[in-house]
Amino acid sequence: MLKIIKRGHRKSPKPEPTDLEFEPESQPITLSLSMEPLPLLRDVAVLDRPALFLKKLQLCSFYCDFSNSLKWVLEKELKRQTLMELVDFIDSSSCKLTGPMQEELIRMVSLNIFRCLPPASDLLEPDEDEPYQEPSWPHLQIVYELLLRYIASPETDAKVAKRYIDHIFVLRLMELFDSEDPREREYLKTLLHRIYGKFMVHRPFIRKAMNNVFYRFIFETQRHCGIGELLEILGSIINGFALPMKEEHKLFLVRALIPLHKPKCISAYHHQLAYCIIQFVDKDYKLAELVVKGLLKYWPVTNCQKEVLFLAELEEVLEATQAAEFHRCMLPLFRQIGRCLNSPHFQVAERALYLWNSEHIVSLIAQNRNVILPLIFEALEKNTQGHWNQAIHGLTANVRRMFQEMDPELFEECQEQYLEKETRAREMEEQRELTWKRIEAVAATAGGEDMVLVS
């Protein structure tokens, strides 16, 4: 029997005799085995700091192998201390960074953070809650912090920095969002948000790159660790959209955000996705109809937990929906809500009944009660008569009472129609049983005689 070793696919290959691995881009940088610490930047003259700064960047321009924690301990510590000093230097703004200094800084950052991510952990044990932790995080965290301080610094001129933080850099940064280490994704989220805010020239490119990540996730892989973080960034981006909203942004809603309801793993990012959807509807209430119909298109059939998420999101959307948009989508909407009311999964039925706790939604329903009550009356009656959960009985009774007080005549008319329908159904059932009894009687009287079927 094959035995799957936990995290076996994450084991790093055996280290080479040098005990230090270099990325292909870092091959021009060689590391002397006799690394000597450089003087501190604050201890040298101001004129000598740029040259020393470049030397320290070169000292950090290699990627350490953390597969063996007992080897090259002094070198790793020297790099860590040097990175910490560079962070303090950038933060203090004691020396304005020239073009070559910024170029070398971004080069050093690239050599450290851009790497092949380990294979996806598809074979993890179901009860394993501990997230994966990047072995090189002691260095990686400081490099991310250094990049963040550089971007956030008021001394950093976007017109100059955009030469080094270009489209290729941004694209490779976004590829790292698939890292399984949540600490790294948190840094990446902050960095990309700061880049979007500071480099206006990159904004269309970043939105397009996000589009591509979502498309690949929805229609190809359905696996990506950073969808939640990207949606979190997107939420603040949508919040800044100017009105009237551009057609490009509406297409993004239709082609990327609404289809994100399709993957099975939606629970991992649904909170952020729902926030983005609500931001669109709050910005332009006319999009509510589009969103509701999109939710109905991707409504789950057999996944009850996903259905509960959809109902919660639907409630938030309806809270921001105006009467005209509600009127155009209420027929398919309440057909689906009627099915949810009769769900054997009590959480689905309960979440559907909670829609009547919202005053705004109740007012929309009241304005269209002549259409809505006939659609869901049968579902309410079936719940009252036979749902297994007592809490559902109580909530259903409250909704029935609400409709009865809202329009007694309409309620009585629906009740009569329901009783007539039930009577017809019972008569048809009795007729069906009678027909079968006659067939059985004919078969019995035939006795042992052969029965010939004439077509």
Protein backbone atom coordinates (compact mmCIF):
# COMPACT_ATOMS: atom_id res chain seq x y z
CA MET A 1 0.00 0.00 0.00
CA LEU A 2 1.32 3.42 -0.90
CA LYS A 3 1.76 5.71 2.07
CA ILE A 4 1.39 9.43 1.56
CA ILE A 5 3.89 11.27 3.68
CA LYS A 6 2.51 14.42 5.22
CA ARG A 7 4.00 17.48 3.49
CA GLY A 8 6.21 15.04 1.62
CA HIS A 9 5.85 17.02 -1.58
CA ARG A 10 7.21 20.10 0.19
CA LYS A 11 10.59 18.58 1.03
CA SER A 12 13.35 20.65 -0.49
CA PRO A 13 15.93 18.92 -2.68
CA LYS A 14 19.20 18.02 -1.06
CA PRO A 15 21.44 21.08 -0.86
CA GLU A 16 24.45 21.37 -3.08
CA PRO A 17 27.87 21.30 -1.44
CA THR A 18 27.95 25.11 -1.40
CA ASP A 19 24.89 25.08 0.90
CA LEU A 20 23.68 28.25 -0.83
CA GLU A 21 21.24 28.30 -3.73
CA PHE A 22 21.17 31.03 -6.31
CA GLU A 23 18.27 31.97 -8.52
CA PRO A 24 19.15 32.16 -12.24
CA GLU A 25 19.06 35.96 -12.10
CA SER A 26 21.47 35.99 -9.16
CA GLN A 27 24.21 34.01 -10.91
CA PRO A 28 26.33 37.12 -11.63
CA ILE A 29 26.50 37.72 -7.86
CA THR A 30 29.03 35.45 -6.16
CA LEU A 31 29.32 35.00 -2.44
CA SER A 32 32.70 34.85 -0.86
CA LEU A 33 33.06 32.25 1.84
CA SER A 34 34.83 34.84 3.98
CA MET A 35 32.02 37.36 4.33
CA GLU A 36 33.08 40.36 6.31
CA PRO A 37 30.58 42.75 7.88
CA LEU A 38 30.60 46.25 6.43
CA PRO A 39 30.64 49.39 8.59
CA LEU A 40 27.27 50.80 9.62
CA LEU A 41 25.80 53.44 7.36
CA ARG A 42 25.41 55.88 10.21
CA ASP A 43 29.14 55.59 11.05
CA VAL A 44 30.42 56.80 7.69
CA ALA A 45 30.44 60.23 6.11
CA VAL A 46 27.32 61.31 4.24
CA LEU A 47 29.21 61.38 0.92
CA ASP A 48 30.32 57.75 1.42
CA ARG A 49 26.86 56.41 2.22
CA PRO A 50 25.62 55.86 -1.38
CA ALA A 51 28.62 53.64 -2.20
CA LEU A 52 28.27 51.73 1.08
CA PHE A 53 24.52 51.40 0.51
CA LEU A 54 25.19 49.72 -2.86
CA LYS A 55 27.72 47.36 -1.27
CA LYS A 56 25.20 46.33 1.39
CA LEU A 57 22.59 45.69 -1.30
CA GLN A 58 25.07 43.46 -3.14
CA LEU A 59 25.78 41.65 0.13
CA CYS A 60 22.06 40.81 0.37
CA SER A 61 21.68 39.86 -3.29
CA PHE A 62 21.74 36.12 -2.78
CA TYR A 63 19.10 33.63 -1.73
CA CYS A 64 19.93 31.51 1.30
CA ASP A 65 18.98 27.86 1.53
CA PHE A 66 16.97 27.40 4.72
CA SER A 67 16.55 23.64 4.32
CA ASN A 68 19.35 23.14 6.89
CA SER A 69 19.14 25.53 9.83
CA LEU A 70 22.57 24.51 11.18
CA LYS A 71 24.64 25.57 8.20
CA TRP A 72 25.81 29.06 7.30
CA VAL A 73 24.30 30.46 10.48
CA LEU A 74 26.70 33.41 10.66
CA GLU A 75 26.13 34.37 7.02
CA LYS A 76 22.36 34.23 7.43
CA GLU A 77 22.55 36.37 10.53
CA LEU A 78 24.82 38.88 8.79
CA LYS A 79 22.33 39.18 5.93
CA ARG A 80 19.45 39.58 8.37
CA GLN A 81 21.24 42.37 10.27
CA THR A 82 22.20 44.10 7.01
CA LEU A 83 18.59 43.98 5.80
CA MET A 84 17.41 45.44 9.10
CA GLU A 85 19.93 48.27 8.76
CA LEU A 86 18.72 48.98 5.21
CA VAL A 87 15.12 49.19 6.48
CA ASP A 88 16.16 51.74 9.11
CA PHE A 89 18.15 53.68 6.52
CA ILE A 90 15.19 53.94 4.13
CA ASP A 91 12.87 54.83 7.00
CA SER A 92 15.11 57.60 8.32
CA SER A 93 15.33 59.36 4.92
CA SER A 94 18.85 60.43 5.88
CA CYS A 95 20.03 60.13 2.28
CA LYS A 96 18.05 60.67 -0.90
CA LEU A 97 18.21 57.57 -3.08
CA THR A 98 19.65 58.21 -6.54
CA GLY A 99 18.51 56.37 -9.66
CA PRO A 100 21.28 53.73 -9.48
CA MET A 101 20.58 53.18 -5.77
CA GLN A 102 16.87 52.62 -6.45
CA GLU A 103 17.65 50.32 -9.37
CA GLU A 104 20.00 48.20 -7.27
CA LEU A 105 17.47 48.15 -4.40
CA ILE A 106 14.69 46.78 -6.63
CA ARG A 107 17.15 44.30 -8.14
CA MET A 108 18.09 43.01 -4.69
CA VAL A 109 14.42 42.75 -3.70
CA SER A 110 13.64 40.87 -6.91
CA LEU A 111 16.42 38.36 -6.33
CA ASN A 112 15.05 37.61 -2.88
CA ILE A 113 11.27 37.48 -3.30
CA PHE A 114 10.77 36.21 -6.88
CA ARG A 115 11.15 32.46 -6.71
CA CYS A 116 9.34 29.27 -7.63
CA LEU A 117 6.62 28.55 -5.11
CA PRO A 118 6.46 25.00 -3.69
CA PRO A 119 3.83 22.61 -5.08
CA ALA A 120 0.26 23.01 -3.89
CA SER A 121 -0.64 21.03 -0.78
CA ASP A 122 -3.49 19.01 -2.27
CA LEU A 123 -2.88 15.98 -0.03
CA LEU A 124 -3.04 17.65 3.35
CA GLU A 125 -4.94 15.86 6.08
CA PRO A 126 -8.49 17.19 6.45
CA ASP A 127 -8.05 18.05 10.12
CA GLU A 128 -4.79 19.92 9.60
CA ASP A 129 -5.35 23.58 10.41
CA GLU A 130 -1.74 24.74 10.62
CA PRO A 131 -0.92 26.87 7.55
CA TYR A 132 2.24 26.38 5.56
CA GLN A 133 5.16 28.58 6.65
CA GLU A 134 7.83 29.70 4.21
CA PRO A 135 11.25 28.50 5.54
CA SER A 136 13.04 31.64 4.34
CA TRP A 137 10.59 33.96 6.10
CA PRO A 138 13.22 35.39 8.54
CA HIS A 139 14.85 37.10 5.53
CA LEU A 140 11.81 37.38 3.31
CA GLN A 141 9.83 39.39 5.84
CA ILE A 142 12.55 42.03 6.14
CA VAL A 143 12.90 42.29 2.35
CA TYR A 144 9.14 42.87 2.08
CA GLU A 145 9.31 45.45 4.85
CA LEU A 146 12.19 47.19 3.04
CA LEU A 147 10.18 47.34 -0.19
CA LEU A 148 7.13 48.62 1.68
CA ARG A 149 9.11 51.41 3.37
CA TYR A 150 10.64 52.37 0.01
CA ILE A 151 7.23 52.62 -1.71
CA ALA A 152 5.58 54.42 1.22
CA SER A 153 8.43 56.89 1.70
CA PRO A 154 7.56 60.48 0.79
CA GLU A 155 11.08 60.74 -0.65
CA THR A 156 10.24 58.16 -3.31
CA ASP A 157 9.22 59.94 -6.49
CA ALA A 158 6.73 57.84 -8.47
CA LYS A 159 7.91 59.32 -11.77
CA VAL A 160 11.43 57.98 -11.09
CA ALA A 161 10.47 54.78 -9.28
CA LYS A 162 8.14 53.61 -12.07
CA ARG A 163 11.25 52.85 -14.16
CA TYR A 164 12.17 50.11 -11.69
CA ILE A 165 8.75 49.11 -10.36
CA ASP A 166 7.47 48.44 -13.85
CA HIS A 167 4.78 46.18 -15.30
CA ILE A 168 7.01 43.10 -15.18
CA PHE A 169 7.78 43.71 -11.50
CA VAL A 170 4.08 44.17 -10.68
CA LEU A 171 3.12 41.05 -12.62
CA ARG A 172 5.70 38.90 -10.83
CA LEU A 173 4.58 40.37 -7.52
CA MET A 174 1.00 39.29 -8.25
CA GLU A 175 2.15 35.76 -9.08
CA LEU A 176 3.37 35.47 -5.48
CA PHE A 177 -0.22 35.82 -4.20
CA ASP A 178 -0.49 32.06 -4.75
CA SER A 179 1.87 31.52 -1.81
CA GLU A 180 0.37 29.31 0.89
CA ASP A 181 2.01 31.35 3.66
CA PRO A 182 -0.66 33.81 4.94
CA ARG A 183 2.03 36.13 6.30
CA GLU A 184 3.49 36.59 2.83
CA ARG A 185 0.06 37.19 1.27
CA GLU A 186 -0.66 39.87 3.89
CA TYR A 187 2.53 41.74 2.94
CA LEU A 188 1.77 41.35 -0.76
CA LYS A 189 -1.72 42.74 -0.22
CA THR A 190 -0.34 45.85 1.48
CA LEU A 191 2.38 46.30 -1.16
CA LEU A 192 0.07 45.99 -4.15
CA HIS A 193 -2.40 48.38 -2.56
CA ARG A 194 0.36 50.94 -1.98
CA ILE A 195 1.64 50.52 -5.55
CA TYR A 196 -1.88 51.03 -6.91
CA GLY A 197 -2.24 54.19 -4.84
CA LYS A 198 1.16 55.70 -5.65
CA PHE A 199 1.70 54.69 -9.30
CA MET A 200 -1.35 55.93 -11.18
CA VAL A 201 0.22 54.85 -14.46
CA HIS A 202 0.02 51.20 -13.31
CA ARG A 203 -3.64 51.23 -12.28
CA PRO A 204 -5.22 49.97 -15.54
CA PHE A 205 -2.52 47.31 -15.81
CA ILE A 206 -3.10 46.09 -12.24
CA ARG A 207 -6.86 45.84 -12.81
CA LYS A 208 -6.27 43.90 -16.03
CA ALA A 209 -3.79 41.58 -14.30
CA MET A 210 -6.35 40.92 -11.55
CA ASN A 211 -8.87 40.10 -14.27
CA ASN A 212 -6.52 37.51 -15.71
CA VAL A 213 -5.88 35.92 -12.31
CA PHE A 214 -9.63 35.62 -11.71
CA TYR A 215 -10.30 34.24 -15.22
CA ARG A 216 -7.64 31.56 -14.83
CA PHE A 217 -8.95 30.65 -11.38
CA ILE A 218 -12.61 30.44 -12.48
CA PHE A 219 -12.27 28.71 -15.82
CA GLU A 220 -9.05 26.68 -15.51
CA THR A 221 -7.55 25.84 -12.14
CA GLN A 222 -10.20 26.68 -9.49
CA ARG A 223 -7.27 26.78 -7.11
CA HIS A 224 -5.46 29.90 -5.89
CA CYS A 225 -4.41 30.89 -2.40
CA GLY A 226 -4.65 34.67 -2.80
CA ILE A 227 -8.12 35.31 -4.23
CA GLY A 228 -9.35 36.70 -0.89
CA GLU A 229 -6.44 39.14 -0.62
CA LEU A 230 -6.85 40.32 -4.23
CA LEU A 231 -10.56 40.88 -3.64
CA GLU A 232 -9.75 42.83 -0.48
CA ILE A 233 -7.56 45.19 -2.52
CA LEU A 234 -10.27 45.37 -5.16
CA GLY A 235 -12.85 46.40 -2.57
CA SER A 236 -10.96 49.60 -1.82
CA ILE A 237 -10.35 50.17 -5.55
CA ILE A 238 -14.09 49.92 -6.30
CA ASN A 239 -14.77 52.34 -3.46
CA GLY A 240 -12.74 54.94 -5.35
CA PHE A 241 -14.49 54.53 -8.71
CA ALA A 242 -15.87 57.79 -10.06
CA LEU A 243 -19.48 58.17 -11.17
CA PRO A 244 -20.92 57.62 -13.68
CA MET A 245 -19.20 54.24 -13.66
CA LYS A 246 -17.13 53.35 -16.72
CA GLU A 247 -18.28 50.51 -18.95
CA GLU A 248 -14.92 48.79 -18.27
CA HIS A 249 -15.80 48.48 -14.58
CA LYS A 250 -19.28 47.11 -15.30
CA LEU A 251 -17.76 44.48 -17.59
CA PHE A 252 -15.37 43.54 -14.79
CA LEU A 253 -18.38 42.95 -12.53
CA VAL A 254 -20.13 40.77 -15.14
CA ARG A 255 -17.15 38.82 -16.44
CA ALA A 256 -15.05 38.32 -13.30
CA LEU A 257 -16.79 39.08 -10.00
CA ILE A 258 -20.15 37.41 -10.61
CA PRO A 259 -18.56 34.23 -12.09
CA LEU A 260 -16.40 34.02 -8.93
CA HIS A 261 -19.55 32.56 -7.32
CA LYS A 262 -19.05 29.41 -9.39
CA PRO A 263 -16.03 27.65 -7.74
CA LYS A 264 -16.70 25.18 -4.94
CA CYS A 265 -14.13 26.84 -2.65
CA ILE A 266 -16.08 30.12 -2.54
CA SER A 267 -16.26 29.99 1.26
CA ALA A 268 -12.54 30.85 1.39
CA TYR A 269 -13.12 34.29 -0.14
CA HIS A 270 -16.89 34.89 -0.07
CA HIS A 271 -16.73 37.64 2.56
CA GLN A 272 -14.40 39.76 0.40
CA LEU A 273 -16.35 38.93 -2.77
CA ALA A 274 -19.67 39.96 -1.22
CA TYR A 275 -18.10 43.25 -0.09
CA CYS A 276 -16.97 44.00 -3.68
CA ILE A 277 -20.42 43.16 -5.06
CA ILE A 278 -22.15 45.41 -2.52
CA GLN A 279 -19.71 48.22 -3.34
CA PHE A 280 -20.81 48.07 -6.97
CA VAL A 281 -24.52 48.14 -6.05
CA ASP A 282 -23.97 51.00 -3.59
CA LYS A 283 -22.15 52.95 -6.30
CA ASP A 284 -24.83 52.32 -8.94
CA TYR A 285 -28.15 50.91 -7.72
CA LYS A 286 -29.12 50.06 -11.31
CA LEU A 287 -26.61 47.18 -11.17
CA ALA A 288 -28.74 45.39 -8.55
CA GLU A 289 -30.83 43.60 -11.19
CA LEU A 290 -27.66 42.40 -12.93
CA VAL A 291 -26.22 41.10 -9.65
CA VAL A 292 -29.40 39.30 -8.56
CA LYS A 293 -29.74 37.54 -11.92
CA GLY A 294 -26.05 36.65 -11.76
CA LEU A 295 -26.50 35.06 -8.34
CA LEU A 296 -29.48 33.08 -9.64
CA LYS A 297 -27.41 31.89 -12.60
CA TYR A 298 -24.76 30.38 -10.32
CA TRP A 299 -27.14 29.31 -7.53
CA PRO A 300 -25.94 26.01 -6.02
CA VAL A 301 -28.15 22.95 -6.44
CA THR A 302 -26.70 20.44 -3.97
CA ASN A 303 -24.25 22.48 -1.84
CA CYS A 304 -26.27 23.71 1.16
CA GLN A 305 -23.44 25.61 2.87
CA LYS A 306 -22.80 27.53 -0.36
CA GLU A 307 -26.54 28.23 -0.58
CA VAL A 308 -26.48 29.81 2.88
CA LEU A 309 -23.68 32.14 1.71
CA PHE A 310 -25.69 33.10 -1.38
CA LEU A 311 -28.75 33.94 0.72
CA ALA A 312 -26.71 36.13 3.07
CA GLU A 313 -25.22 38.01 0.11
CA LEU A 314 -28.62 38.28 -1.54
CA GLU A 315 -30.01 39.96 1.56
CA GLU A 316 -27.27 42.62 1.43
CA VAL A 317 -27.90 43.22 -2.27
CA LEU A 318 -31.66 43.55 -1.77
CA GLU A 319 -31.03 46.05 1.03
CA ALA A 320 -29.49 48.35 -1.60
CA THR A 321 -32.04 47.57 -4.35
CA GLN A 322 -34.60 50.11 -5.48
CA ALA A 323 -38.21 49.31 -6.42
CA ALA A 324 -37.76 49.41 -10.22
CA GLU A 325 -34.81 46.99 -10.23
CA PHE A 326 -36.58 44.72 -7.74
CA HIS A 327 -39.68 44.58 -9.93
CA ARG A 328 -37.66 43.40 -12.95
CA CYS A 329 -36.06 40.43 -11.18
CA MET A 330 -38.64 39.40 -8.55
CA LEU A 331 -40.21 36.50 -10.52
CA PRO A 332 -37.11 34.28 -10.86
CA LEU A 333 -35.87 35.51 -7.49
CA PHE A 334 -38.90 34.41 -5.46
CA ARG A 335 -39.21 31.14 -7.35
CA GLN A 336 -35.73 30.36 -6.04
CA ILE A 337 -36.56 31.67 -2.55
CA GLY A 338 -39.63 29.42 -2.54
CA ARG A 339 -37.38 26.41 -3.20
CA CYS A 340 -35.09 27.52 -0.40
CA LEU A 341 -38.04 27.80 2.01
CA ASN A 342 -38.75 24.09 1.51
CA SER A 343 -35.11 22.99 1.79
CA PRO A 344 -34.66 19.99 4.12
CA HIS A 345 -31.45 21.67 5.33
CA PHE A 346 -32.80 23.87 8.10
CA GLN A 347 -30.05 26.51 7.78
CA VAL A 348 -31.04 27.20 4.16
CA ALA A 349 -34.73 27.51 5.05
CA GLU A 350 -33.90 29.60 8.09
CA ARG A 351 -31.66 31.99 6.11
CA ALA A 352 -34.38 32.41 3.48
CA LEU A 353 -36.99 33.22 6.14
CA TYR A 354 -34.61 35.79 7.69
CA LEU A 355 -35.14 37.95 4.58
CA TRP A 356 -38.42 39.06 6.17
CA ASN A 357 -36.49 40.59 9.10
CA SER A 358 -35.38 43.46 6.86
CA GLU A 359 -37.78 46.40 6.76
CA HIS A 360 -36.58 47.50 3.32
CA ILE A 361 -37.05 44.03 1.81
CA VAL A 362 -40.49 43.69 3.44
CA SER A 363 -41.50 47.06 1.95
CA LEU A 364 -40.40 45.87 -1.52
CA ILE A 365 -42.35 42.63 -1.03
CA ALA A 366 -45.42 44.56 0.17
CA GLN A 367 -45.41 46.69 -2.99
CA ASN A 368 -45.40 43.53 -5.13
CA ARG A 369 -47.35 41.17 -2.86
CA ASN A 370 -49.87 40.30 -5.60
CA VAL A 371 -47.06 38.60 -7.52
CA ILE A 372 -44.85 37.34 -4.68
CA LEU A 373 -47.35 35.73 -2.30
CA PRO A 374 -48.81 33.33 -4.92
CA LEU A 375 -45.23 32.26 -5.78
CA ILE A 376 -44.26 31.29 -2.23
CA PHE A 377 -47.61 30.50 -0.56
CA GLU A 378 -47.37 26.78 -1.28
CA ALA A 379 -43.85 26.66 0.19
CA LEU A 380 -45.08 28.40 3.36
CA GLU A 381 -47.99 25.97 3.72
CA LYS A 382 -45.76 22.93 3.24
CA ASN A 383 -43.39 24.21 5.92
CA THR A 384 -46.30 24.76 8.31
CA GLN A 385 -47.64 21.26 7.74
CA GLY A 386 -44.56 19.12 7.56
CA HIS A 387 -41.09 20.66 8.07
CA TRP A 388 -39.08 18.62 10.54
CA ASN A 389 -37.44 21.61 12.29
CA GLN A 390 -39.47 23.45 14.94
CA ALA A 391 -37.57 26.73 14.48
CA ILE A 392 -38.63 26.75 10.82
CA HIS A 393 -42.25 26.25 11.92
CA GLY A 394 -42.04 29.37 14.11
CA LEU A 395 -40.37 31.55 11.47
CA THR A 396 -42.81 30.38 8.79
CA ALA A 397 -45.77 31.21 11.04
CA ASN A 398 -44.39 34.75 11.47
CA VAL A 399 -44.10 35.25 7.70
CA ARG A 400 -47.64 33.88 7.13
CA ARG A 401 -48.97 36.22 9.78
CA MET A 402 -47.15 39.14 8.16
CA PHE A 403 -48.77 38.44 4.77
CA GLN A 404 -52.16 37.92 6.40
CA GLU A 405 -51.99 41.31 8.09
CA MET A 406 -50.57 42.92 4.94
CA ASP A 407 -53.47 41.85 2.68
CA PRO A 408 -56.17 39.56 4.21
CA GLU A 409 -58.13 39.25 0.96
CA LEU A 410 -55.08 38.22 -1.08
CA PHE A 411 -54.04 35.76 1.63
CA GLU A 412 -57.49 34.16 1.68
CA GLU A 413 -57.53 33.95 -2.12
CA CYS A 414 -54.12 32.23 -2.16
CA GLN A 415 -55.28 29.86 0.56
CA GLU A 416 -58.37 28.90 -1.45
CA GLN A 417 -56.29 28.32 -4.56
CA TYR A 418 -53.87 26.17 -2.57
CA LEU A 419 -56.73 24.09 -1.11
CA GLU A 420 -58.24 23.63 -4.56
CA LYS A 421 -54.88 22.52 -5.92
CA GLU A 422 -54.44 20.07 -3.05
CA THR A 423 -57.97 18.72 -3.60
CA ARG A 424 -57.28 18.18 -7.30
CA ALA A 425 -54.00 16.47 -6.46
CA ARG A 426 -55.75 14.11 -4.01
CA GLU A 427 -58.46 13.30 -6.59
CA MET A 428 -55.82 12.53 -9.21
CA GLU A 429 -54.01 10.29 -6.74
CA GLU A 430 -57.22 8.46 -5.89
CA GLN A 431 -57.98 8.03 -9.61
CA ARG A 432 -54.48 6.68 -10.17
CA GLU A 433 -54.88 4.16 -7.35
CA LEU A 434 -58.31 3.11 -8.68
CA THR A 435 -56.85 2.54 -12.14
CA TRP A 436 -54.12 0.31 -10.73
CA LYS A 437 -56.67 -1.68 -8.74
CA ARG A 438 -58.67 -2.31 -11.92
CA ILE A 439 -55.54 -3.47 -13.71
CA GLU A 440 -54.77 -5.83 -10.81
CA ALA A 441 -58.36 -7.16 -10.92
CA VAL A 442 -58.15 -7.86 -14.64
CA ALA A 443 -54.82 -9.61 -14.12
CA ALA A 444 -56.30 -11.71 -11.31
CA THR A 445 -59.37 -12.81 -13.34
CA ALA A 446 -57.14 -13.88 -16.22
CA GLY A 447 -55.82 -16.61 -13.92
CA GLY A 448 -53.34 -18.84 -15.68
CA GLU A 449 -54.39 -17.76 -19.16
CA ASP A 450 -51.76 -16.13 -21.33
CA MET A 451 -52.10 -12.36 -21.68
CA VAL A 452 -51.52 -10.99 -25.13
CA LEU A 453 -50.49 -7.37 -25.43
CA VAL A 454 -51.70 -5.74 -28.59
CA SER A 455 -49.81 -2.62 -29.55
